[in-house]
């Protein structure tokens, strides 16, 4: 028997193999054998007792699922069999979604991840709940920016916004069963790159094909939007100067409201699952 869609052989255990278990759980299920070479020859393991305790606990703690872990013997050599069933809900490893395809493990990203989540739950990538981040971890400045922008735009009243952060997230449908949705974390968590590594914005000033200078703006999406808009006007756009009587008038080539709308639209509609930052050039 050779490695295939449902079989994987490993000579010894490494914690990174939890990704393989995640991949089996998200696909058709399968078995991982610890203590076998790639050709299927049993070479045995020396720490079977410890692994029989550690592996099930690591699977449950890291992936939130249960798998059967069995001790087998062949020609006097002990090896371990990990039996992974297919799961009806998406299983993630530190926010990453892995999938077993053929005899390989693939990390799902972009459209592939979106389609996978929709097929499993009917939810899009940004609507899935995440572990490890609570409302208490979210950023006060990000909530302040949201309330300021919501009030400025007239989309919410002061009375609508005079509620707790938890109530606000519930009103925005960014919490489900007490768990924060990924969209909520991206908008209000100051370390959004821990949720998705490509979640930041690069701004560059070019002269022809030469890059003169650039900036990278990081934070929650709301902080990024606020910083990017200010940076564009303070550093990347030049204002024409005129005078009305004794008053100096600065006229920028683009209206600030239009730039704000463009920046917010870019952040909202970006497919962050691709792990690719937004790039703005001038």
C-alpha atoms as a PDB file:
ATOM      1  CA  UNK A   1       0.000   0.000   0.000  1.00  0.00           C
ATOM      2  CA  UNK A   2       1.395   3.424  -0.969  1.00  0.00           C
ATOM      3  CA  UNK A   3       0.571   6.953   0.155  1.00  0.00           C
ATOM      4  CA  UNK A   4      -2.635   8.239  -1.390  1.00  0.00           C
ATOM      5  CA  UNK A   5      -5.585  10.550  -0.783  1.00  0.00           C
ATOM      6  CA  UNK A   6      -6.274   8.930   2.571  1.00  0.00           C
ATOM      7  CA  UNK A   7      -2.873   7.616   3.720  1.00  0.00           C
ATOM      8  CA  UNK A   8       0.238   9.457   4.932  1.00  0.00           C
ATOM      9  CA  UNK A   9       3.426   7.928   6.386  1.00  0.00           C
ATOM     10  CA  UNK A  10       5.849   9.745   8.669  1.00  0.00           C
ATOM     11  CA  UNK A  11       9.038   8.416  10.261  1.00  0.00           C
ATOM     12  CA  UNK A  12       8.594  10.400  13.500  1.00  0.00           C
ATOM     13  CA  UNK A  13       6.116  12.827  15.011  1.00  0.00           C
ATOM     14  CA  UNK A  14       6.366  16.591  14.551  1.00  0.00           C
ATOM     15  CA  UNK A  15       3.777  19.093  15.729  1.00  0.00           C
ATOM     16  CA  UNK A  16       3.572  20.493  12.188  1.00  0.00           C
ATOM     17  CA  UNK A  17       1.797  17.269  11.204  1.00  0.00           C
ATOM     18  CA  UNK A  18      -1.269  18.753  12.870  1.00  0.00           C
ATOM     19  CA  UNK A  19      -1.628  20.588   9.541  1.00  0.00           C
ATOM     20  CA  UNK A  20      -1.914  17.208   7.788  1.00  0.00           C
ATOM     21  CA  UNK A  21      -4.582  16.139  10.270  1.00  0.00           C
ATOM     22  CA  UNK A  22      -6.387  19.417   9.591  1.00  0.00           C
ATOM     23  CA  UNK A  23      -6.182  18.672   5.850  1.00  0.00           C
ATOM     24  CA  UNK A  24      -7.669  15.186   6.270  1.00  0.00           C
ATOM     25  CA  UNK A  25     -10.465  16.533   8.487  1.00  0.00           C
ATOM     26  CA  UNK A  26     -11.408  19.131   5.866  1.00  0.00           C
ATOM     27  CA  UNK A  27     -11.353  16.589   3.010  1.00  0.00           C
ATOM     28  CA  UNK A  28     -12.369  12.917   3.013  1.00  0.00           C
ATOM     29  CA  UNK A  29     -10.652  11.898   6.226  1.00  0.00           C
ATOM     30  CA  UNK A  30      -7.655   9.591   6.321  1.00  0.00           C
ATOM     31  CA  UNK A  31      -4.917   7.967   8.353  1.00  0.00           C
ATOM     32  CA  UNK A  32      -1.427   9.102   9.332  1.00  0.00           C
ATOM     33  CA  UNK A  33       1.089   6.476  10.415  1.00  0.00           C
ATOM     34  CA  UNK A  34       3.986   7.565  12.642  1.00  0.00           C
ATOM     35  CA  UNK A  35       7.002   5.227  12.498  1.00  0.00           C
ATOM     36  CA  UNK A  36       6.921   4.316   8.787  1.00  0.00           C
ATOM     37  CA  UNK A  37       9.202   5.266   5.934  1.00  0.00           C
ATOM     38  CA  UNK A  38       7.887   6.665   2.650  1.00  0.00           C
ATOM     39  CA  UNK A  39       7.951   3.144   1.180  1.00  0.00           C
ATOM     40  CA  UNK A  40       5.726   1.845   3.981  1.00  0.00           C
ATOM     41  CA  UNK A  41       8.459   0.015   5.893  1.00  0.00           C
ATOM     42  CA  UNK A  42       7.884   0.056   9.642  1.00  0.00           C
ATOM     43  CA  UNK A  43      10.910   1.484  11.470  1.00  0.00           C
ATOM     44  CA  UNK A  44       9.191   1.928  14.829  1.00  0.00           C
ATOM     45  CA  UNK A  45       9.160   4.699  17.420  1.00  0.00           C
ATOM     46  CA  UNK A  46      10.854   4.861  20.800  1.00  0.00           C
ATOM     47  CA  UNK A  47       8.440   7.165  22.621  1.00  0.00           C
ATOM     48  CA  UNK A  48       5.083   5.542  21.951  1.00  0.00           C
ATOM     49  CA  UNK A  49       3.719   5.977  25.494  1.00  0.00           C
ATOM     50  CA  UNK A  50       4.316   9.734  25.487  1.00  0.00           C
ATOM     51  CA  UNK A  51       2.935  10.164  21.958  1.00  0.00           C
ATOM     52  CA  UNK A  52      -0.228   8.247  22.855  1.00  0.00           C
ATOM     53  CA  UNK A  53      -0.884  10.944  25.459  1.00  0.00           C
ATOM     54  CA  UNK A  54       0.440  14.008  23.629  1.00  0.00           C
ATOM     55  CA  UNK A  55      -0.999  13.583  20.142  1.00  0.00           C
ATOM     56  CA  UNK A  56      -4.723  13.315  21.102  1.00  0.00           C
ATOM     57  CA  UNK A  57      -4.381  16.346  23.407  1.00  0.00           C
ATOM     58  CA  UNK A  58      -2.622  18.416  20.754  1.00  0.00           C
ATOM     59  CA  UNK A  59      -5.238  17.524  18.149  1.00  0.00           C
ATOM     60  CA  UNK A  60      -8.067  18.574  20.429  1.00  0.00           C
ATOM     61  CA  UNK A  61      -6.396  21.716  21.777  1.00  0.00           C
ATOM     62  CA  UNK A  62      -5.079  22.982  18.430  1.00  0.00           C
ATOM     63  CA  UNK A  63      -7.767  21.835  16.004  1.00  0.00           C
ATOM     64  CA  UNK A  64     -10.826  21.414  18.218  1.00  0.00           C
ATOM     65  CA  UNK A  65     -11.531  17.901  16.949  1.00  0.00           C
ATOM     66  CA  UNK A  66     -11.068  14.348  18.180  1.00  0.00           C
ATOM     67  CA  UNK A  67      -9.121  11.644  16.327  1.00  0.00           C
ATOM     68  CA  UNK A  68      -8.441   8.013  17.217  1.00  0.00           C
ATOM     69  CA  UNK A  69      -4.777   7.395  18.060  1.00  0.00           C
ATOM     70  CA  UNK A  70      -3.852   3.710  18.092  1.00  0.00           C
ATOM     71  CA  UNK A  71      -0.652   1.833  18.943  1.00  0.00           C
ATOM     72  CA  UNK A  72       0.155  -0.905  16.424  1.00  0.00           C
ATOM     73  CA  UNK A  73       2.953  -3.490  16.241  1.00  0.00           C
ATOM     74  CA  UNK A  74       4.640  -5.135  13.269  1.00  0.00           C
ATOM     75  CA  UNK A  75       7.658  -7.455  13.504  1.00  0.00           C
ATOM     76  CA  UNK A  76       8.249  -6.316  17.056  1.00  0.00           C
ATOM     77  CA  UNK A  77       8.260  -2.604  16.069  1.00  0.00           C
ATOM     78  CA  UNK A  78       5.707  -0.211  17.546  1.00  0.00           C
ATOM     79  CA  UNK A  79       4.152   2.502  15.413  1.00  0.00           C
ATOM     80  CA  UNK A  80       1.163   4.811  15.729  1.00  0.00           C
ATOM     81  CA  UNK A  81      -1.960   5.097  13.612  1.00  0.00           C
ATOM     82  CA  UNK A  82      -3.945   8.361  13.673  1.00  0.00           C
ATOM     83  CA  UNK A  83      -7.444   7.950  12.254  1.00  0.00           C
ATOM     84  CA  UNK A  84      -9.034  11.228  11.135  1.00  0.00           C
ATOM     85  CA  UNK A  85     -12.701  11.392  10.189  1.00  0.00           C
ATOM     86  CA  UNK A  86     -14.048  14.003   7.760  1.00  0.00           C
ATOM     87  CA  UNK A  87     -15.693  16.847   9.648  1.00  0.00           C
ATOM     88  CA  UNK A  88     -18.879  18.658   8.656  1.00  0.00           C
ATOM     89  CA  UNK A  89     -17.525  22.043   9.788  1.00  0.00           C
ATOM     90  CA  UNK A  90     -14.292  23.774   8.694  1.00  0.00           C
ATOM     91  CA  UNK A  91     -11.259  22.862  10.796  1.00  0.00           C
ATOM     92  CA  UNK A  92      -8.430  25.380  11.091  1.00  0.00           C
ATOM     93  CA  UNK A  93      -4.870  25.348  12.382  1.00  0.00           C
ATOM     94  CA  UNK A  94      -3.998  28.752  13.869  1.00  0.00           C
ATOM     95  CA  UNK A  95      -6.450  30.368  11.445  1.00  0.00           C
ATOM     96  CA  UNK A  96      -5.081  28.450   8.444  1.00  0.00           C
ATOM     97  CA  UNK A  97      -7.300  26.051   6.500  1.00  0.00           C
ATOM     98  CA  UNK A  98      -5.553  23.008   5.059  1.00  0.00           C
ATOM     99  CA  UNK A  99      -6.978  20.444   2.659  1.00  0.00           C
ATOM    100  CA  UNK A 100      -5.838  16.996   1.540  1.00  0.00           C
ATOM    101  CA  UNK A 101      -5.809  16.665  -2.240  1.00  0.00           C
ATOM    102  CA  UNK A 102      -4.284  13.554  -3.789  1.00  0.00           C
ATOM    103  CA  UNK A 103      -1.172  12.775  -1.775  1.00  0.00           C
ATOM    104  CA  UNK A 104      -0.436  16.438  -0.958  1.00  0.00           C
ATOM    105  CA  UNK A 105      -1.572  18.937   1.662  1.00  0.00           C
ATOM    106  CA  UNK A 106      -2.591  22.368   0.439  1.00  0.00           C
ATOM    107  CA  UNK A 107      -3.291  25.549   2.369  1.00  0.00           C
ATOM    108  CA  UNK A 108      -6.501  27.092   1.102  1.00  0.00           C
ATOM    109  CA  UNK A 109      -6.365  30.781   0.200  1.00  0.00           C
ATOM    110  CA  UNK A 110      -8.370  33.317  -1.750  1.00  0.00           C
ATOM    111  CA  UNK A 111     -11.275  32.030  -3.815  1.00  0.00           C
ATOM    112  CA  UNK A 112     -10.456  28.415  -2.957  1.00  0.00           C
ATOM    113  CA  UNK A 113     -10.854  29.191   0.746  1.00  0.00           C
ATOM    114  CA  UNK A 114     -14.040  31.180   0.185  1.00  0.00           C
ATOM    115  CA  UNK A 115     -15.599  28.358  -1.852  1.00  0.00           C
ATOM    116  CA  UNK A 116     -14.537  25.801   0.751  1.00  0.00           C
ATOM    117  CA  UNK A 117     -16.097  27.748   3.627  1.00  0.00           C
ATOM    118  CA  UNK A 118     -19.294  28.354   1.683  1.00  0.00           C
ATOM    119  CA  UNK A 119     -19.572  24.633   0.870  1.00  0.00           C
ATOM    120  CA  UNK A 120     -19.052  23.704   4.530  1.00  0.00           C
ATOM    121  CA  UNK A 121     -21.068  26.379   6.300  1.00  0.00           C
ATOM    122  CA  UNK A 122     -22.726  28.639   3.765  1.00  0.00           C
ATOM    123  CA  UNK A 123     -20.561  31.446   5.195  1.00  0.00           C
ATOM    124  CA  UNK A 124     -17.993  33.566   3.433  1.00  0.00           C
ATOM    125  CA  UNK A 125     -14.412  33.727   4.712  1.00  0.00           C
ATOM    126  CA  UNK A 126     -14.893  36.978   6.602  1.00  0.00           C
ATOM    127  CA  UNK A 127     -18.100  35.762   8.272  1.00  0.00           C
ATOM    128  CA  UNK A 128     -16.474  32.723   9.911  1.00  0.00           C
ATOM    129  CA  UNK A 129     -15.810  32.982  13.644  1.00  0.00           C
ATOM    130  CA  UNK A 130     -12.257  32.850  14.989  1.00  0.00           C
ATOM    131  CA  UNK A 131     -10.673  31.701  18.225  1.00  0.00           C
ATOM    132  CA  UNK A 132      -8.102  33.454  20.382  1.00  0.00           C
ATOM    133  CA  UNK A 133      -9.422  37.026  20.056  1.00  0.00           C
ATOM    134  CA  UNK A 134     -12.202  38.409  22.243  1.00  0.00           C
ATOM    135  CA  UNK A 135     -13.990  41.742  22.407  1.00  0.00           C
ATOM    136  CA  UNK A 136     -11.685  42.728  25.286  1.00  0.00           C
ATOM    137  CA  UNK A 137      -8.691  42.374  22.932  1.00  0.00           C
ATOM    138  CA  UNK A 138     -10.068  44.905  20.460  1.00  0.00           C
ATOM    139  CA  UNK A 139      -8.731  48.416  20.046  1.00  0.00           C
ATOM    140  CA  UNK A 140     -10.362  51.490  21.615  1.00  0.00           C
ATOM    141  CA  UNK A 141      -9.031  53.860  18.940  1.00  0.00           C
ATOM    142  CA  UNK A 142     -10.574  51.692  16.211  1.00  0.00           C
ATOM    143  CA  UNK A 143     -13.995  51.941  17.876  1.00  0.00           C
ATOM    144  CA  UNK A 144     -13.526  55.708  18.241  1.00  0.00           C
ATOM    145  CA  UNK A 145     -12.754  56.019  14.527  1.00  0.00           C
ATOM    146  CA  UNK A 146     -15.806  53.920  13.630  1.00  0.00           C
ATOM    147  CA  UNK A 147     -18.142  55.995  15.787  1.00  0.00           C
ATOM    148  CA  UNK A 148     -16.704  59.230  14.396  1.00  0.00           C
ATOM    149  CA  UNK A 149     -17.096  58.095  10.768  1.00  0.00           C
ATOM    150  CA  UNK A 150     -20.567  56.608  11.312  1.00  0.00           C
ATOM    151  CA  UNK A 151     -21.743  59.858  12.880  1.00  0.00           C
ATOM    152  CA  UNK A 152     -20.061  62.023  10.230  1.00  0.00           C
ATOM    153  CA  UNK A 153     -21.672  60.075   7.391  1.00  0.00           C
ATOM    154  CA  UNK A 154     -25.090  60.199   8.992  1.00  0.00           C
ATOM    155  CA  UNK A 155     -25.504  56.426   8.742  1.00  0.00           C
ATOM    156  CA  UNK A 156     -25.909  56.118  12.511  1.00  0.00           C
ATOM    157  CA  UNK A 157     -27.143  58.560  15.116  1.00  0.00           C
ATOM    158  CA  UNK A 158     -25.447  59.470  18.390  1.00  0.00           C
ATOM    159  CA  UNK A 159     -28.099  57.431  20.198  1.00  0.00           C
ATOM    160  CA  UNK A 160     -27.336  54.429  17.974  1.00  0.00           C
ATOM    161  CA  UNK A 161     -23.653  54.668  18.880  1.00  0.00           C
ATOM    162  CA  UNK A 162     -24.067  55.300  22.599  1.00  0.00           C
ATOM    163  CA  UNK A 163     -23.818  51.591  23.451  1.00  0.00           C
ATOM    164  CA  UNK A 164     -21.072  49.235  24.586  1.00  0.00           C
ATOM    165  CA  UNK A 165     -18.542  47.852  22.121  1.00  0.00           C
ATOM    166  CA  UNK A 166     -20.052  44.387  22.476  1.00  0.00           C
ATOM    167  CA  UNK A 167     -23.526  45.708  21.715  1.00  0.00           C
ATOM    168  CA  UNK A 168     -22.141  47.619  18.733  1.00  0.00           C
ATOM    169  CA  UNK A 169     -20.504  44.474  17.327  1.00  0.00           C
ATOM    170  CA  UNK A 170     -23.752  42.557  17.785  1.00  0.00           C
ATOM    171  CA  UNK A 171     -25.636  45.342  16.017  1.00  0.00           C
ATOM    172  CA  UNK A 172     -23.138  45.141  13.132  1.00  0.00           C
ATOM    173  CA  UNK A 173     -23.534  41.332  13.029  1.00  0.00           C
ATOM    174  CA  UNK A 174     -19.850  40.804  13.820  1.00  0.00           C
ATOM    175  CA  UNK A 175     -20.407  38.375  16.713  1.00  0.00           C
ATOM    176  CA  UNK A 176     -21.986  34.936  16.585  1.00  0.00           C
ATOM    177  CA  UNK A 177     -22.686  32.842  19.686  1.00  0.00           C
ATOM    178  CA  UNK A 178     -20.300  35.021  21.661  1.00  0.00           C
ATOM    179  CA  UNK A 179     -17.447  34.528  19.179  1.00  0.00           C
ATOM    180  CA  UNK A 180     -15.941  37.285  17.088  1.00  0.00           C
ATOM    181  CA  UNK A 181     -16.223  36.982  13.324  1.00  0.00           C
ATOM    182  CA  UNK A 182     -13.090  37.431  11.217  1.00  0.00           C
ATOM    183  CA  UNK A 183     -14.459  40.677   9.729  1.00  0.00           C
ATOM    184  CA  UNK A 184     -14.859  42.091  13.235  1.00  0.00           C
ATOM    185  CA  UNK A 185     -11.284  41.214  14.130  1.00  0.00           C
ATOM    186  CA  UNK A 186      -9.913  42.795  10.960  1.00  0.00           C
ATOM    187  CA  UNK A 187     -11.845  45.996  11.564  1.00  0.00           C
ATOM    188  CA  UNK A 188     -11.201  46.454  15.281  1.00  0.00           C
ATOM    189  CA  UNK A 189      -8.135  44.368  16.248  1.00  0.00           C
ATOM    190  CA  UNK A 190      -4.983  46.475  16.242  1.00  0.00           C
ATOM    191  CA  UNK A 191      -2.810  43.496  15.236  1.00  0.00           C
ATOM    192  CA  UNK A 192      -4.876  42.545  12.198  1.00  0.00           C
ATOM    193  CA  UNK A 193      -1.826  40.896  10.591  1.00  0.00           C
ATOM    194  CA  UNK A 194      -2.119  38.161  13.202  1.00  0.00           C
ATOM    195  CA  UNK A 195      -5.513  37.373  11.696  1.00  0.00           C
ATOM    196  CA  UNK A 196      -4.271  37.509   8.094  1.00  0.00           C
ATOM    197  CA  UNK A 197      -0.631  38.276   7.366  1.00  0.00           C
ATOM    198  CA  UNK A 198      -1.210  40.431   4.278  1.00  0.00           C
ATOM    199  CA  UNK A 199      -3.569  42.859   5.987  1.00  0.00           C
ATOM    200  CA  UNK A 200      -1.785  46.189   5.511  1.00  0.00           C
ATOM    201  CA  UNK A 201      -1.394  48.946   2.897  1.00  0.00           C
ATOM    202  CA  UNK A 202       1.705  49.988   0.946  1.00  0.00           C
ATOM    203  CA  UNK A 203       1.897  53.513  -0.489  1.00  0.00           C
ATOM    204  CA  UNK A 204       4.625  54.489  -2.946  1.00  0.00           C
ATOM    205  CA  UNK A 205       5.752  57.614  -4.782  1.00  0.00           C
ATOM    206  CA  UNK A 206       7.150  56.914  -8.241  1.00  0.00           C
ATOM    207  CA  UNK A 207       8.999  59.001 -10.768  1.00  0.00           C
ATOM    208  CA  UNK A 208       8.717  57.051 -13.984  1.00  0.00           C
ATOM    209  CA  UNK A 209       9.659  53.492 -13.007  1.00  0.00           C
ATOM    210  CA  UNK A 210      11.785  54.584 -10.047  1.00  0.00           C
ATOM    211  CA  UNK A 211      10.400  54.315  -6.526  1.00  0.00           C
ATOM    212  CA  UNK A 212      11.319  57.508  -4.676  1.00  0.00           C
ATOM    213  CA  UNK A 213       9.877  56.621  -1.272  1.00  0.00           C
ATOM    214  CA  UNK A 214       7.191  54.478   0.291  1.00  0.00           C
ATOM    215  CA  UNK A 215       5.264  53.816   3.496  1.00  0.00           C
ATOM    216  CA  UNK A 216       3.566  50.771   4.985  1.00  0.00           C
ATOM    217  CA  UNK A 217       0.470  51.372   7.109  1.00  0.00           C
ATOM    218  CA  UNK A 218      -0.519  48.685   9.614  1.00  0.00           C
ATOM    219  CA  UNK A 219      -3.160  48.193  12.285  1.00  0.00           C
ATOM    220  CA  UNK A 220      -6.861  47.452  12.273  1.00  0.00           C
ATOM    221  CA  UNK A 221      -8.646  48.251   9.014  1.00  0.00           C
ATOM    222  CA  UNK A 222     -10.190  51.323  10.622  1.00  0.00           C
ATOM    223  CA  UNK A 223      -6.811  52.593  11.814  1.00  0.00           C
ATOM    224  CA  UNK A 224      -5.293  51.825   8.400  1.00  0.00           C
ATOM    225  CA  UNK A 225      -8.027  53.811   6.639  1.00  0.00           C
ATOM    226  CA  UNK A 226      -7.575  56.780   8.953  1.00  0.00           C
ATOM    227  CA  UNK A 227      -3.768  56.778   8.628  1.00  0.00           C
ATOM    228  CA  UNK A 228      -3.738  56.247   4.870  1.00  0.00           C
ATOM    229  CA  UNK A 229      -6.044  59.184   4.193  1.00  0.00           C
ATOM    230  CA  UNK A 230      -3.917  61.504   6.346  1.00  0.00           C
ATOM    231  CA  UNK A 231      -0.693  60.223   4.794  1.00  0.00           C
ATOM    232  CA  UNK A 232      -1.946  60.768   1.248  1.00  0.00           C
ATOM    233  CA  UNK A 233      -2.670  64.438   1.967  1.00  0.00           C
ATOM    234  CA  UNK A 234       0.356  65.132   4.151  1.00  0.00           C
ATOM    235  CA  UNK A 235       2.976  63.414   1.997  1.00  0.00           C
ATOM    236  CA  UNK A 236       1.777  62.177  -1.389  1.00  0.00           C
ATOM    237  CA  UNK A 237      -0.449  64.923  -2.817  1.00  0.00           C
ATOM    238  CA  UNK A 238       0.613  68.472  -3.567  1.00  0.00           C
ATOM    239  CA  UNK A 239      -1.818  71.327  -3.064  1.00  0.00           C
ATOM    240  CA  UNK A 240      -2.036  74.298  -5.378  1.00  0.00           C
ATOM    241  CA  UNK A 241      -1.737  77.491  -3.329  1.00  0.00           C
ATOM    242  CA  UNK A 242      -3.792  80.578  -4.019  1.00  0.00           C
ATOM    243  CA  UNK A 243      -4.956  83.566  -2.001  1.00  0.00           C
ATOM    244  CA  UNK A 244      -8.370  84.990  -1.336  1.00  0.00           C
ATOM    245  CA  UNK A 245      -7.584  88.490  -0.098  1.00  0.00           C
ATOM    246  CA  UNK A 246      -5.206  87.787   2.827  1.00  0.00           C
ATOM    247  CA  UNK A 247      -6.267  84.164   3.264  1.00  0.00           C
ATOM    248  CA  UNK A 248      -4.085  81.394   1.888  1.00  0.00           C
ATOM    249  CA  UNK A 249      -6.101  78.690   0.097  1.00  0.00           C
ATOM    250  CA  UNK A 250      -4.745  75.176  -0.577  1.00  0.00           C
ATOM    251  CA  UNK A 251      -6.533  73.216  -3.291  1.00  0.00           C
ATOM    252  CA  UNK A 252      -5.776  69.520  -3.638  1.00  0.00           C
ATOM    253  CA  UNK A 253      -6.290  67.662  -6.931  1.00  0.00           C
ATOM    254  CA  UNK A 254      -8.862  65.345  -5.318  1.00  0.00           C
ATOM    255  CA  UNK A 255     -11.584  66.068  -2.799  1.00  0.00           C
ATOM    256  CA  UNK A 256     -10.894  64.518   0.605  1.00  0.00           C
ATOM    257  CA  UNK A 257     -14.347  62.909   0.740  1.00  0.00           C
ATOM    258  CA  UNK A 258     -13.700  61.213  -2.606  1.00  0.00           C
ATOM    259  CA  UNK A 259     -10.325  59.881  -1.435  1.00  0.00           C
ATOM    260  CA  UNK A 260     -11.882  58.693   1.833  1.00  0.00           C
ATOM    261  CA  UNK A 261     -14.567  56.832  -0.103  1.00  0.00           C
ATOM    262  CA  UNK A 262     -11.982  55.251  -2.418  1.00  0.00           C
ATOM    263  CA  UNK A 263      -9.790  54.112   0.485  1.00  0.00           C
ATOM    264  CA  UNK A 264     -12.671  52.636   2.451  1.00  0.00           C
ATOM    265  CA  UNK A 265     -13.987  50.857  -0.651  1.00  0.00           C
ATOM    266  CA  UNK A 266     -10.546  49.386  -1.364  1.00  0.00           C
ATOM    267  CA  UNK A 267     -10.236  48.075   2.200  1.00  0.00           C
ATOM    268  CA  UNK A 268     -13.785  46.710   2.301  1.00  0.00           C
ATOM    269  CA  UNK A 269     -13.683  44.942  -1.060  1.00  0.00           C
ATOM    270  CA  UNK A 270     -10.109  43.626  -0.863  1.00  0.00           C
ATOM    271  CA  UNK A 271      -9.922  39.819  -0.822  1.00  0.00           C
ATOM    272  CA  UNK A 272      -7.717  39.648   2.270  1.00  0.00           C
ATOM    273  CA  UNK A 273      -7.780  35.847   2.145  1.00  0.00           C
ATOM    274  CA  UNK A 274      -5.195  36.139  -0.663  1.00  0.00           C
ATOM    275  CA  UNK A 275      -2.655  37.487   1.878  1.00  0.00           C
ATOM    276  CA  UNK A 276      -1.772  40.334  -0.498  1.00  0.00           C
ATOM    277  CA  UNK A 277      -1.626  43.930   0.815  1.00  0.00           C
ATOM    278  CA  UNK A 278      -3.278  46.836  -0.978  1.00  0.00           C
ATOM    279  CA  UNK A 279      -0.827  48.966  -2.949  1.00  0.00           C
ATOM    280  CA  UNK A 280      -1.383  52.670  -3.682  1.00  0.00           C
ATOM    281  CA  UNK A 281       0.986  54.454  -6.050  1.00  0.00           C
ATOM    282  CA  UNK A 282       1.395  58.086  -6.988  1.00  0.00           C
END
